[in-house]
Amino acid sequence: MSHNRSVDVSRAPARVARHWALLAVLLCSAAPSAAQCCRVSFPGDELVTGASANALLRGPWMSSAWRRPLPRLAVFTLGSFVYERYFDSSGWEWSDFNQRLAGYLATEAIVTGVRWLRRRL
């Protein structure tokens, strides 16, 4: 039993363009939601967020080219900026952005240090 399936490759660019257009519309029309009033917050939450983002960006679901230090930092910085600018209920605050970046860089330093020690020993 042979199943003949044809893939319409000519429609793929149109689908991608529609997806990007939908994403742009959603980002441009974003407004604070009712759920943003009840954010779980604790001292150091931005540091933990930066460290968690570093760990997530190292995962196997990222392509190997994006797991290198500089592209990973660029993706994190862009994501942190977009979150702070468009989704944070308290608006833009440099302290939040800087704390997330500090958590990211601290995790980067720890992982690099552990790898260096493992190579030395």
PDB file of N, CA and C in Angstrom:
ATOM      1  N   MET A   1       0.835  -1.179   0.000  1.00  0.00           N
ATOM      2  CA  MET A   1       0.000   0.000   0.000  1.00  0.00           C
ATOM      3  C   MET A   1       0.876   1.237   0.000  1.00  0.00           C
ATOM      4  N   SER A   2       0.778   1.957  -1.023  1.00  0.00           N
ATOM      5  CA  SER A   2       1.569   3.166  -1.152  1.00  0.00           C
ATOM      6  C   SER A   2       0.641   4.366  -1.052  1.00  0.00           C
ATOM      7  N   HIS A   3       1.016   5.256  -0.189  1.00  0.00           N
ATOM      8  CA  HIS A   3       0.240   6.491  -0.049  1.00  0.00           C
ATOM      9  C   HIS A   3       1.001   7.601  -0.747  1.00  0.00           C
ATOM     10  N   ASN A   4       0.392   8.158  -1.729  1.00  0.00           N
ATOM     11  CA  ASN A   4       1.032   9.258  -2.453  1.00  0.00           C
ATOM     12  C   ASN A   4       0.564  10.570  -1.849  1.00  0.00           C
ATOM     13  N   ARG A   5       1.495  11.223  -1.248  1.00  0.00           N
ATOM     14  CA  ARG A   5       1.205  12.547  -0.688  1.00  0.00           C
ATOM     15  C   ARG A   5       2.058  13.563  -1.411  1.00  0.00           C
ATOM     16  N   SER A   6       1.434  14.600  -1.840  1.00  0.00           N
ATOM     17  CA  SER A   6       2.211  15.669  -2.467  1.00  0.00           C
ATOM     18  C   SER A   6       2.258  16.847  -1.500  1.00  0.00           C
ATOM     19  N   VAL A   7       3.383  17.417  -1.394  1.00  0.00           N
ATOM     20  CA  VAL A   7       3.578  18.561  -0.518  1.00  0.00           C
ATOM     21  C   VAL A   7       3.627  19.800  -1.391  1.00  0.00           C
ATOM     22  N   ASP A   8       2.777  20.746  -1.070  1.00  0.00           N
ATOM     23  CA  ASP A   8       2.734  21.982  -1.837  1.00  0.00           C
ATOM     24  C   ASP A   8       3.749  22.954  -1.249  1.00  0.00           C
ATOM     25  N   VAL A   9       4.927  22.956  -1.817  1.00  0.00           N
ATOM     26  CA  VAL A   9       6.011  23.790  -1.319  1.00  0.00           C
ATOM     27  C   VAL A   9       5.784  25.258  -1.670  1.00  0.00           C
ATOM     28  N   SER A  10       5.068  25.502  -2.735  1.00  0.00           N
ATOM     29  CA  SER A  10       4.868  26.890  -3.164  1.00  0.00           C
ATOM     30  C   SER A  10       4.021  27.681  -2.168  1.00  0.00           C
ATOM     31  N   ARG A  11       3.237  27.011  -1.332  1.00  0.00           N
ATOM     32  CA  ARG A  11       2.398  27.716  -0.362  1.00  0.00           C
ATOM     33  C   ARG A  11       3.125  27.974   0.950  1.00  0.00           C
ATOM     34  N   ALA A  12       4.282  27.373   1.172  1.00  0.00           N
ATOM     35  CA  ALA A  12       4.998  27.522   2.436  1.00  0.00           C
ATOM     36  C   ALA A  12       5.383  28.974   2.735  1.00  0.00           C
ATOM     37  N   PRO A  13       5.964  29.734   1.788  1.00  0.00           N
ATOM     38  CA  PRO A  13       6.308  31.129   2.107  1.00  0.00           C
ATOM     39  C   PRO A  13       5.099  31.971   2.492  1.00  0.00           C
ATOM     40  N   ALA A  14       3.958  31.704   1.878  1.00  0.00           N
ATOM     41  CA  ALA A  14       2.753  32.459   2.225  1.00  0.00           C
ATOM     42  C   ALA A  14       2.325  32.146   3.658  1.00  0.00           C
ATOM     43  N   ARG A  15       2.440  30.890   4.071  1.00  0.00           N
ATOM     44  CA  ARG A  15       2.088  30.523   5.439  1.00  0.00           C
ATOM     45  C   ARG A  15       3.017  31.190   6.444  1.00  0.00           C
ATOM     46  N   VAL A  16       4.297  31.183   6.141  1.00  0.00           N
ATOM     47  CA  VAL A  16       5.267  31.805   7.039  1.00  0.00           C
ATOM     48  C   VAL A  16       4.987  33.302   7.150  1.00  0.00           C
ATOM     49  N   ALA A  17       4.687  33.938   6.032  1.00  0.00           N
ATOM     50  CA  ALA A  17       4.382  35.375   6.043  1.00  0.00           C
ATOM     51  C   ALA A  17       3.134  35.659   6.870  1.00  0.00           C
ATOM     52  N   ARG A  18       2.127  34.789   6.764  1.00  0.00           N
ATOM     53  CA  ARG A  18       0.915  34.977   7.568  1.00  0.00           C
ATOM     54  C   ARG A  18       1.207  34.816   9.051  1.00  0.00           C
ATOM     55  N   HIS A  19       2.064  33.868   9.394  1.00  0.00           N
ATOM     56  CA  HIS A  19       2.401  33.656  10.806  1.00  0.00           C
ATOM     57  C   HIS A  19       3.150  34.863  11.365  1.00  0.00           C
ATOM     58  N   TRP A  20       4.087  35.408  10.603  1.00  0.00           N
ATOM     59  CA  TRP A  20       4.814  36.593  11.057  1.00  0.00           C
ATOM     60  C   TRP A  20       3.883  37.785  11.178  1.00  0.00           C
ATOM     61  N   ALA A  21       2.951  37.928  10.238  1.00  0.00           N
ATOM     62  CA  ALA A  21       1.999  39.036  10.303  1.00  0.00           C
ATOM     63  C   ALA A  21       1.106  38.905  11.537  1.00  0.00           C
ATOM     64  N   LEU A  22       0.659  37.687  11.831  1.00  0.00           N
ATOM     65  CA  LEU A  22      -0.160  37.472  13.019  1.00  0.00           C
ATOM     66  C   LEU A  22       0.620  37.790  14.285  1.00  0.00           C
ATOM     67  N   LEU A  23       1.881  37.364  14.344  1.00  0.00           N
ATOM     68  CA  LEU A  23       2.718  37.659  15.501  1.00  0.00           C
ATOM     69  C   LEU A  23       2.897  39.165  15.664  1.00  0.00           C
ATOM     70  N   ALA A  24       3.129  39.879  14.561  1.00  0.00           N
ATOM     71  CA  ALA A  24       3.292  41.332  14.621  1.00  0.00           C
ATOM     72  C   ALA A  24       2.020  42.016  15.120  1.00  0.00           C
ATOM     73  N   VAL A  25       0.869  41.557  14.638  1.00  0.00           N
ATOM     74  CA  VAL A  25      -0.406  42.142  15.083  1.00  0.00           C
ATOM     75  C   VAL A  25      -0.612  41.892  16.580  1.00  0.00           C
ATOM     76  N   LEU A  26      -0.316  40.688  17.031  1.00  0.00           N
ATOM     77  CA  LEU A  26      -0.480  40.376  18.447  1.00  0.00           C
ATOM     78  C   LEU A  26       0.451  41.203  19.325  1.00  0.00           C
ATOM     79  N   LEU A  27       1.695  41.376  18.901  1.00  0.00           N
ATOM     80  CA  LEU A  27       2.634  42.170  19.691  1.00  0.00           C
ATOM     81  C   LEU A  27       2.262  43.647  19.714  1.00  0.00           C
ATOM     82  N   CYS A  28       1.802  44.160  18.576  1.00  0.00           N
ATOM     83  CA  CYS A  28       1.461  45.577  18.510  1.00  0.00           C
ATOM     84  C   CYS A  28       0.167  45.901  19.238  1.00  0.00           C
ATOM     85  N   SER A  29      -0.717  44.939  19.351  1.00  0.00           N
ATOM     86  CA  SER A  29      -1.997  45.199  20.003  1.00  0.00           C
ATOM     87  C   SER A  29      -2.023  44.691  21.439  1.00  0.00           C
ATOM     88  N   ALA A  30      -0.874  44.334  21.970  1.00  0.00           N
ATOM     89  CA  ALA A  30      -0.826  43.786  23.322  1.00  0.00           C
ATOM     90  C   ALA A  30      -1.205  44.848  24.347  1.00  0.00           C
ATOM     91  N   ALA A  31      -2.040  44.446  25.261  1.00  0.00           N
ATOM     92  CA  ALA A  31      -2.449  45.316  26.361  1.00  0.00           C
ATOM     93  C   ALA A  31      -2.322  44.514  27.651  1.00  0.00           C
ATOM     94  N   PRO A  32      -2.118  45.188  28.767  1.00  0.00           N
ATOM     95  CA  PRO A  32      -2.020  44.451  30.023  1.00  0.00           C
ATOM     96  C   PRO A  32      -3.289  43.640  30.282  1.00  0.00           C
ATOM     97  N   SER A  33      -3.095  42.442  30.765  1.00  0.00           N
ATOM     98  CA  SER A  33      -4.250  41.597  31.048  1.00  0.00           C
ATOM     99  C   SER A  33      -4.537  41.598  32.538  1.00  0.00           C
ATOM    100  N   ALA A  34      -5.689  41.077  32.907  1.00  0.00           N
ATOM    101  CA  ALA A  34      -6.082  41.036  34.307  1.00  0.00           C
ATOM    102  C   ALA A  34      -5.168  40.131  35.128  1.00  0.00           C
ATOM    103  N   ALA A  35      -4.587  39.129  34.496  1.00  0.00           N
ATOM    104  CA  ALA A  35      -3.728  38.193  35.220  1.00  0.00           C
ATOM    105  C   ALA A  35      -2.403  38.822  35.617  1.00  0.00           C
ATOM    106  N   GLN A  36      -2.029  39.928  35.005  1.00  0.00           N
ATOM    107  CA  GLN A  36      -0.751  40.535  35.326  1.00  0.00           C
ATOM    108  C   GLN A  36      -0.762  41.235  36.671  1.00  0.00           C
ATOM    109  N   CYS A  37      -1.915  41.432  37.257  1.00  0.00           N
ATOM    110  CA  CYS A  37      -1.968  42.090  38.553  1.00  0.00           C
ATOM    111  C   CYS A  37      -1.495  41.170  39.673  1.00  0.00           C
ATOM    112  N   CYS A  38      -1.511  39.884  39.443  1.00  0.00           N
ATOM    113  CA  CYS A  38      -1.258  38.915  40.505  1.00  0.00           C
ATOM    114  C   CYS A  38       0.045  38.161  40.302  1.00  0.00           C
ATOM    115  N   ARG A  39       1.057  38.814  39.833  1.00  0.00           N
ATOM    116  CA  ARG A  39       2.334  38.163  39.549  1.00  0.00           C
ATOM    117  C   ARG A  39       3.010  37.744  40.847  1.00  0.00           C
ATOM    118  N   VAL A  40       3.521  36.529  40.862  1.00  0.00           N
ATOM    119  CA  VAL A  40       4.262  36.057  42.018  1.00  0.00           C
ATOM    120  C   VAL A  40       5.604  36.767  42.015  1.00  0.00           C
ATOM    121  N   SER A  41       5.902  37.444  43.102  1.00  0.00           N
ATOM    122  CA  SER A  41       7.130  38.204  43.173  1.00  0.00           C
ATOM    123  C   SER A  41       7.812  37.946  44.507  1.00  0.00           C
ATOM    124  N   PHE A  42       9.114  37.866  44.476  1.00  0.00           N
ATOM    125  CA  PHE A  42       9.895  37.692  45.688  1.00  0.00           C
ATOM    126  C   PHE A  42      11.243  38.371  45.471  1.00  0.00           C
ATOM    127  N   PRO A  43      11.958  38.678  46.537  1.00  0.00           N
ATOM    128  CA  PRO A  43      13.269  39.312  46.348  1.00  0.00           C
ATOM    129  C   PRO A  43      14.192  38.388  45.548  1.00  0.00           C
ATOM    130  N   GLY A  44      14.760  38.909  44.498  1.00  0.00           N
ATOM    131  CA  GLY A  44      15.657  38.117  43.669  1.00  0.00           C
ATOM    132  C   GLY A  44      14.968  37.390  42.534  1.00  0.00           C
ATOM    133  N   ASP A  45      13.685  37.665  42.305  1.00  0.00           N
ATOM    134  CA  ASP A  45      12.976  36.949  41.245  1.00  0.00           C
ATOM    135  C   ASP A  45      13.549  37.242  39.862  1.00  0.00           C
ATOM    136  N   GLU A  46      14.044  38.450  39.635  1.00  0.00           N
ATOM    137  CA  GLU A  46      14.630  38.774  38.340  1.00  0.00           C
ATOM    138  C   GLU A  46      15.966  38.043  38.150  1.00  0.00           C
ATOM    139  N   LEU A  47      16.727  37.867  39.233  1.00  0.00           N
ATOM    140  CA  LEU A  47      17.974  37.107  39.145  1.00  0.00           C
ATOM    141  C   LEU A  47      17.695  35.653  38.770  1.00  0.00           C
ATOM    142  N   VAL A  48      16.675  35.083  39.394  1.00  0.00           N
ATOM    143  CA  VAL A  48      16.293  33.696  39.102  1.00  0.00           C
ATOM    144  C   VAL A  48      15.800  33.579  37.668  1.00  0.00           C
ATOM    145  N   THR A  49      15.081  34.578  37.208  1.00  0.00           N
ATOM    146  CA  THR A  49      14.593  34.568  35.829  1.00  0.00           C
ATOM    147  C   THR A  49      15.756  34.581  34.836  1.00  0.00           C
ATOM    148  N   GLY A  50      16.764  35.394  35.091  1.00  0.00           N
ATOM    149  CA  GLY A  50      17.930  35.445  34.212  1.00  0.00           C
ATOM    150  C   GLY A  50      18.686  34.129  34.206  1.00  0.00           C
ATOM    151  N   ALA A  51      18.855  33.532  35.387  1.00  0.00           N
ATOM    152  CA  ALA A  51      19.550  32.246  35.474  1.00  0.00           C
ATOM    153  C   ALA A  51      18.753  31.154  34.769  1.00  0.00           C
ATOM    154  N   SER A  52      17.448  31.159  34.939  1.00  0.00           N
ATOM    155  CA  SER A  52      16.596  30.162  34.286  1.00  0.00           C
ATOM    156  C   SER A  52      16.622  30.316  32.766  1.00  0.00           C
ATOM    157  N   ALA A  53      16.614  31.550  32.312  1.00  0.00           N
ATOM    158  CA  ALA A  53      16.668  31.784  30.870  1.00  0.00           C
ATOM    159  C   ALA A  53      17.984  31.263  30.285  1.00  0.00           C
ATOM    160  N   ASN A  54      19.075  31.449  31.014  1.00  0.00           N
ATOM    161  CA  ASN A  54      20.360  30.932  30.550  1.00  0.00           C
ATOM    162  C   ASN A  54      20.305  29.414  30.428  1.00  0.00           C
ATOM    163  N   ALA A  55      19.734  28.773  31.436  1.00  0.00           N
ATOM    164  CA  ALA A  55      19.634  27.312  31.400  1.00  0.00           C
ATOM    165  C   ALA A  55      18.744  26.850  30.246  1.00  0.00           C
ATOM    166  N   LEU A  56      17.638  27.544  30.016  1.00  0.00           N
ATOM    167  CA  LEU A  56      16.731  27.158  28.928  1.00  0.00           C
ATOM    168  C   LEU A  56      17.369  27.359  27.554  1.00  0.00           C
ATOM    169  N   LEU A  57      18.144  28.425  27.410  1.00  0.00           N
ATOM    170  CA  LEU A  57      18.767  28.692  26.115  1.00  0.00           C
ATOM    171  C   LEU A  57      19.914  27.737  25.804  1.00  0.00           C
ATOM    172  N   ARG A  58      20.345  26.955  26.777  1.00  0.00           N
ATOM    173  CA  ARG A  58      21.388  25.957  26.557  1.00  0.00           C
ATOM    174  C   ARG A  58      20.810  24.604  26.156  1.00  0.00           C
ATOM    175  N   GLY A  59      19.504  24.469  26.156  1.00  0.00           N
ATOM    176  CA  GLY A  59      18.854  23.181  25.946  1.00  0.00           C
ATOM    177  C   GLY A  59      19.006  22.629  24.540  1.00  0.00           C
ATOM    178  N   PRO A  60      18.736  21.337  24.393  1.00  0.00           N
ATOM    179  CA  PRO A  60      18.870  20.687  23.080  1.00  0.00           C
ATOM    180  C   PRO A  60      17.823  21.153  22.070  1.00  0.00           C
ATOM    181  N   TRP A  61      16.808  21.864  22.500  1.00  0.00           N
ATOM    182  CA  TRP A  61      15.783  22.352  21.580  1.00  0.00           C
ATOM    183  C   TRP A  61      16.276  23.574  20.823  1.00  0.00           C
ATOM    184  N   MET A  62      17.385  24.164  21.239  1.00  0.00           N
ATOM    185  CA  MET A  62      18.002  25.272  20.502  1.00  0.00           C
ATOM    186  C   MET A  62      18.986  24.684  19.499  1.00  0.00           C
ATOM    187  N   SER A  63      19.085  25.284  18.327  1.00  0.00           N
ATOM    188  CA  SER A  63      20.059  24.778  17.353  1.00  0.00           C
ATOM    189  C   SER A  63      21.465  25.040  17.893  1.00  0.00           C
ATOM    190  N   SER A  64      22.406  24.238  17.463  1.00  0.00           N
ATOM    191  CA  SER A  64      23.755  24.340  18.013  1.00  0.00           C
ATOM    192  C   SER A  64      24.383  25.708  17.749  1.00  0.00           C
ATOM    193  N   ALA A  65      24.034  26.340  16.648  1.00  0.00           N
ATOM    194  CA  ALA A  65      24.583  27.667  16.354  1.00  0.00           C
ATOM    195  C   ALA A  65      24.087  28.712  17.358  1.00  0.00           C
ATOM    196  N   TRP A  66      22.852  28.547  17.848  1.00  0.00           N
ATOM    197  CA  TRP A  66      22.285  29.505  18.796  1.00  0.00           C
ATOM    198  C   TRP A  66      22.694  29.209  20.233  1.00  0.00           C
ATOM    199  N   ARG A  67      23.341  28.091  20.466  1.00  0.00           N
ATOM    200  CA  ARG A  67      23.789  27.765  21.822  1.00  0.00           C
ATOM    201  C   ARG A  67      25.165  28.319  22.134  1.00  0.00           C
ATOM    202  N   ARG A  68      25.806  28.947  21.187  1.00  0.00           N
ATOM    203  CA  ARG A  68      27.088  29.590  21.441  1.00  0.00           C
ATOM    204  C   ARG A  68      26.860  30.813  22.336  1.00  0.00           C
ATOM    205  N   PRO A  69      27.900  31.260  23.055  1.00  0.00           N
ATOM    206  CA  PRO A  69      27.703  32.340  24.037  1.00  0.00           C
ATOM    207  C   PRO A  69      27.139  33.643  23.481  1.00  0.00           C
ATOM    208  N   LEU A  70      27.685  34.174  22.393  1.00  0.00           N
ATOM    209  CA  LEU A  70      27.203  35.475  21.915  1.00  0.00           C
ATOM    210  C   LEU A  70      25.799  35.422  21.323  1.00  0.00           C
ATOM    211  N   PRO A  71      25.467  34.459  20.460  1.00  0.00           N
ATOM    212  CA  PRO A  71      24.070  34.404  19.990  1.00  0.00           C
ATOM    213  C   PRO A  71      23.083  34.155  21.129  1.00  0.00           C
ATOM    214  N   ARG A  72      23.480  33.334  22.097  1.00  0.00           N
ATOM    215  CA  ARG A  72      22.613  33.072  23.249  1.00  0.00           C
ATOM    216  C   ARG A  72      22.373  34.358  24.045  1.00  0.00           C
ATOM    217  N   LEU A  73      23.425  35.150  24.239  1.00  0.00           N
ATOM    218  CA  LEU A  73      23.293  36.430  24.936  1.00  0.00           C
ATOM    219  C   LEU A  73      22.398  37.386  24.153  1.00  0.00           C
ATOM    220  N   ALA A  74      22.541  37.391  22.820  1.00  0.00           N
ATOM    221  CA  ALA A  74      21.704  38.266  21.990  1.00  0.00           C
ATOM    222  C   ALA A  74      20.229  37.877  22.090  1.00  0.00           C
ATOM    223  N   VAL A  75      19.935  36.588  22.041  1.00  0.00           N
ATOM    224  CA  VAL A  75      18.545  36.118  22.153  1.00  0.00           C
ATOM    225  C   VAL A  75      17.982  36.479  23.527  1.00  0.00           C
ATOM    226  N   PHE A  76      18.780  36.272  24.572  1.00  0.00           N
ATOM    227  CA  PHE A  76      18.324  36.599  25.922  1.00  0.00           C
ATOM    228  C   PHE A  76      18.058  38.094  26.063  1.00  0.00           C
ATOM    229  N   THR A  77      18.980  38.919  25.582  1.00  0.00           N
ATOM    230  CA  THR A  77      18.828  40.372  25.721  1.00  0.00           C
ATOM    231  C   THR A  77      17.597  40.857  24.966  1.00  0.00           C
ATOM    232  N   LEU A  78      17.397  40.352  23.758  1.00  0.00           N
ATOM    233  CA  LEU A  78      16.219  40.741  22.985  1.00  0.00           C
ATOM    234  C   LEU A  78      14.936  40.291  23.681  1.00  0.00           C
ATOM    235  N   GLY A  79      14.914  39.060  24.162  1.00  0.00           N
ATOM    236  CA  GLY A  79      13.735  38.564  24.866  1.00  0.00           C
ATOM    237  C   GLY A  79      13.455  39.339  26.138  1.00  0.00           C
ATOM    238  N   SER A  80      14.498  39.672  26.875  1.00  0.00           N
ATOM    239  CA  SER A  80      14.336  40.440  28.114  1.00  0.00           C
ATOM    240  C   SER A  80      13.820  41.843  27.811  1.00  0.00           C
ATOM    241  N   PHE A  81      14.349  42.446  26.752  1.00  0.00           N
ATOM    242  CA  PHE A  81      13.892  43.774  26.352  1.00  0.00           C
ATOM    243  C   PHE A  81      12.420  43.754  25.953  1.00  0.00           C
ATOM    244  N   VAL A  82      12.044  42.782  25.120  1.00  0.00           N
ATOM    245  CA  VAL A  82      10.644  42.693  24.673  1.00  0.00           C
ATOM    246  C   VAL A  82       9.717  42.467  25.859  1.00  0.00           C
ATOM    247  N   TYR A  83      10.113  41.586  26.789  1.00  0.00           N
ATOM    248  CA  TYR A  83       9.273  41.354  27.968  1.00  0.00           C
ATOM    249  C   TYR A  83       9.118  42.635  28.777  1.00  0.00           C
ATOM    250  N   GLU A  84      10.233  43.298  29.049  1.00  0.00           N
ATOM    251  CA  GLU A  84      10.189  44.493  29.895  1.00  0.00           C
ATOM    252  C   GLU A  84       9.406  45.615  29.226  1.00  0.00           C
ATOM    253  N   ARG A  85       9.534  45.734  27.922  1.00  0.00           N
ATOM    254  CA  ARG A  85       8.874  46.816  27.193  1.00  0.00           C
ATOM    255  C   ARG A  85       7.379  46.576  26.997  1.00  0.00           C
ATOM    256  N   TYR A  86       7.000  45.334  26.651  1.00  0.00           N
ATOM    257  CA  TYR A  86       5.620  45.096  26.244  1.00  0.00           C
ATOM    258  C   TYR A  86       4.770  44.328  27.246  1.00  0.00           C
ATOM    259  N   PHE A  87       5.367  43.503  28.081  1.00  0.00           N
ATOM    260  CA  PHE A  87       4.557  42.606  28.905  1.00  0.00           C
ATOM    261  C   PHE A  87       4.637  42.860  30.404  1.00  0.00           C
ATOM    262  N   ASP A  88       5.653  43.541  30.891  1.00  0.00           N
ATOM    263  CA  ASP A  88       5.788  43.776  32.330  1.00  0.00           C
ATOM    264  C   ASP A  88       4.733  44.779  32.776  1.00  0.00           C
ATOM    265  N   SER A  89       3.977  44.417  33.793  1.00  0.00           N
ATOM    266  CA  SER A  89       2.867  45.270  34.223  1.00  0.00           C
ATOM    267  C   SER A  89       3.334  46.575  34.849  1.00  0.00           C
ATOM    268  N   SER A  90       4.539  46.605  35.397  1.00  0.00           N
ATOM    269  CA  SER A  90       5.022  47.839  36.018  1.00  0.00           C
ATOM    270  C   SER A  90       5.735  48.748  35.036  1.00  0.00           C
ATOM    271  N   GLY A  91       5.809  48.356  33.785  1.00  0.00           N
ATOM    272  CA  GLY A  91       6.451  49.188  32.773  1.00  0.00           C
ATOM    273  C   GLY A  91       7.962  49.003  32.767  1.00  0.00           C
ATOM    274  N   TRP A  92       8.620  49.835  31.989  1.00  0.00           N
ATOM    275  CA  TRP A  92      10.065  49.706  31.820  1.00  0.00           C
ATOM    276  C   TRP A  92      10.776  50.119  33.100  1.00  0.00           C
ATOM    277  N   GLU A  93      11.640  49.238  33.571  1.00  0.00           N
ATOM    278  CA  GLU A  93      12.498  49.547  34.715  1.00  0.00           C
ATOM    279  C   GLU A  93      13.880  48.972  34.435  1.00  0.00           C
ATOM    280  N   TRP A  94      14.879  49.844  34.438  1.00  0.00           N
ATOM    281  CA  TRP A  94      16.242  49.388  34.194  1.00  0.00           C
ATOM    282  C   TRP A  94      16.699  48.399  35.249  1.00  0.00           C
ATOM    283  N   SER A  95      16.235  48.570  36.480  1.00  0.00           N
ATOM    284  CA  SER A  95      16.688  47.672  37.548  1.00  0.00           C
ATOM    285  C   SER A  95      16.251  46.232  37.278  1.00  0.00           C
ATOM    286  N   ASP A  96      15.035  46.035  36.779  1.00  0.00           N
ATOM    287  CA  ASP A  96      14.582  44.682  36.438  1.00  0.00           C
ATOM    288  C   ASP A  96      15.429  44.090  35.318  1.00  0.00           C
ATOM    289  N   PHE A  97      15.633  44.882  34.276  1.00  0.00           N
ATOM    290  CA  PHE A  97      16.419  44.425  33.136  1.00  0.00           C
ATOM    291  C   PHE A  97      17.840  44.073  33.571  1.00  0.00           C
ATOM    292  N   ASN A  98      18.451  44.946  34.379  1.00  0.00           N
ATOM    293  CA  ASN A  98      19.825  44.713  34.830  1.00  0.00           C
ATOM    294  C   ASN A  98      19.933  43.511  35.766  1.00  0.00           C
ATOM    295  N   GLN A  99      18.931  43.284  36.610  1.00  0.00           N
ATOM    296  CA  GLN A  99      18.958  42.129  37.498  1.00  0.00           C
ATOM    297  C   GLN A  99      18.835  40.828  36.712  1.00  0.00           C
ATOM    298  N   ARG A 100      17.963  40.807  35.695  1.00  0.00           N
ATOM    299  CA  ARG A 100      17.868  39.620  34.844  1.00  0.00           C
ATOM    300  C   ARG A 100      19.190  39.363  34.131  1.00  0.00           C
ATOM    301  N   LEU A 101      19.816  40.427  33.627  1.00  0.00           N
ATOM    302  CA  LEU A 101      21.101  40.292  32.951  1.00  0.00           C
ATOM    303  C   LEU A 101      22.172  39.799  33.928  1.00  0.00           C
ATOM    304  N   ALA A 102      22.156  40.292  35.161  1.00  0.00           N
ATOM    305  CA  ALA A 102      23.120  39.838  36.171  1.00  0.00           C
ATOM    306  C   ALA A 102      22.930  38.351  36.469  1.00  0.00           C
ATOM    307  N   GLY A 103      21.687  37.894  36.580  1.00  0.00           N
ATOM    308  CA  GLY A 103      21.422  36.476  36.807  1.00  0.00           C
ATOM    309  C   GLY A 103      21.906  35.630  35.644  1.00  0.00           C
ATOM    310  N   TYR A 104      21.692  36.124  34.429  1.00  0.00           N
ATOM    311  CA  TYR A 104      22.152  35.416  33.232  1.00  0.00           C
ATOM    312  C   TYR A 104      23.672  35.315  33.224  1.00  0.00           C
ATOM    313  N   LEU A 105      24.352  36.440  33.466  1.00  0.00           N
ATOM    314  CA  LEU A 105      25.814  36.461  33.424  1.00  0.00           C
ATOM    315  C   LEU A 105      26.429  35.663  34.561  1.00  0.00           C
ATOM    316  N   ALA A 106      25.794  35.672  35.739  1.00  0.00           N
ATOM    317  CA  ALA A 106      26.304  34.869  36.860  1.00  0.00           C
ATOM    318  C   ALA A 106      26.231  33.384  36.519  1.00  0.00           C
ATOM    319  N   THR A 107      25.141  32.955  35.926  1.00  0.00           N
ATOM    320  CA  THR A 107      25.013  31.551  35.514  1.00  0.00           C
ATOM    321  C   THR A 107      26.049  31.215  34.456  1.00  0.00           C
ATOM    322  N   GLU A 108      26.260  32.117  33.529  1.00  0.00           N
ATOM    323  CA  GLU A 108      27.270  31.908  32.485  1.00  0.00           C
ATOM    324  C   GLU A 108      28.650  31.746  33.112  1.00  0.00           C
ATOM    325  N   ALA A 109      28.971  32.594  34.079  1.00  0.00           N
ATOM    326  CA  ALA A 109      30.280  32.515  34.741  1.00  0.00           C
ATOM    327  C   ALA A 109      30.428  31.218  35.527  1.00  0.00           C
ATOM    328  N   ILE A 110      29.375  30.794  36.210  1.00  0.00           N
ATOM    329  CA  ILE A 110      29.431  29.555  36.993  1.00  0.00           C
ATOM    330  C   ILE A 110      29.629  28.351  36.077  1.00  0.00           C
ATOM    331  N   VAL A 111      28.853  28.280  35.011  1.00  0.00           N
ATOM    332  CA  VAL A 111      28.972  27.143  34.088  1.00  0.00           C
ATOM    333  C   VAL A 111      30.351  27.126  33.433  1.00  0.00           C
ATOM    334  N   THR A 112      30.827  28.283  33.009  1.00  0.00           N
ATOM    335  CA  THR A 112      32.160  28.360  32.400  1.00  0.00           C
ATOM    336  C   THR A 112      33.235  27.966  33.404  1.00  0.00           C
ATOM    337  N   GLY A 113      33.111  28.422  34.653  1.00  0.00           N
ATOM    338  CA  GLY A 113      34.077  28.070  35.690  1.00  0.00           C
ATOM    339  C   GLY A 113      34.095  26.585  35.996  1.00  0.00           C
ATOM    340  N   VAL A 114      32.924  25.978  36.071  1.00  0.00           N
ATOM    341  CA  VAL A 114      32.854  24.534  36.333  1.00  0.00           C
ATOM    342  C   VAL A 114      33.464  23.754  35.181  1.00  0.00           C
ATOM    343  N   ARG A 115      33.187  24.160  33.961  1.00  0.00           N
ATOM    344  CA  ARG A 115      33.786  23.479  32.805  1.00  0.00           C
ATOM    345  C   ARG A 115      35.303  23.625  32.805  1.00  0.00           C
ATOM    346  N   TRP A 116      35.788  24.805  33.158  1.00  0.00           N
ATOM    347  CA  TRP A 116      37.224  25.027  33.215  1.00  0.00           C
ATOM    348  C   TRP A 116      37.861  24.135  34.278  1.00  0.00           C
ATOM    349  N   LEU A 117      37.224  24.044  35.449  1.00  0.00           N
ATOM    350  CA  LEU A 117      37.743  23.187  36.526  1.00  0.00           C
ATOM    351  C   LEU A 117      37.749  21.716  36.120  1.00  0.00           C
ATOM    352  N   ARG A 118      36.710  21.279  35.464  1.00  0.00           N
ATOM    353  CA  ARG A 118      36.647  19.874  35.026  1.00  0.00           C
ATOM    354  C   ARG A 118      37.745  19.536  34.026  1.00  0.00           C
ATOM    355  N   ARG A 119      38.062  20.481  33.158  1.00  0.00           N
ATOM    356  CA  ARG A 119      39.166  20.264  32.200  1.00  0.00           C
ATOM    357  C   ARG A 119      40.513  20.226  32.908  1.00  0.00           C
ATOM    358  N   ARG A 120      40.679  21.055  33.935  1.00  0.00           N
ATOM    359  CA  ARG A 120      41.940  21.117  34.667  1.00  0.00           C
ATOM    360  C   ARG A 120      42.164  19.877  35.526  1.00  0.00           C
ATOM    361  N   LEU A 121      41.089  19.362  36.071  1.00  0.00           N
ATOM    362  CA  LEU A 121      41.208  18.202  36.963  1.00  0.00           C
ATOM    363  C   LEU A 121      41.077  16.981  36.143  1.00  0.00           C
TER     364      LEU A 121
END
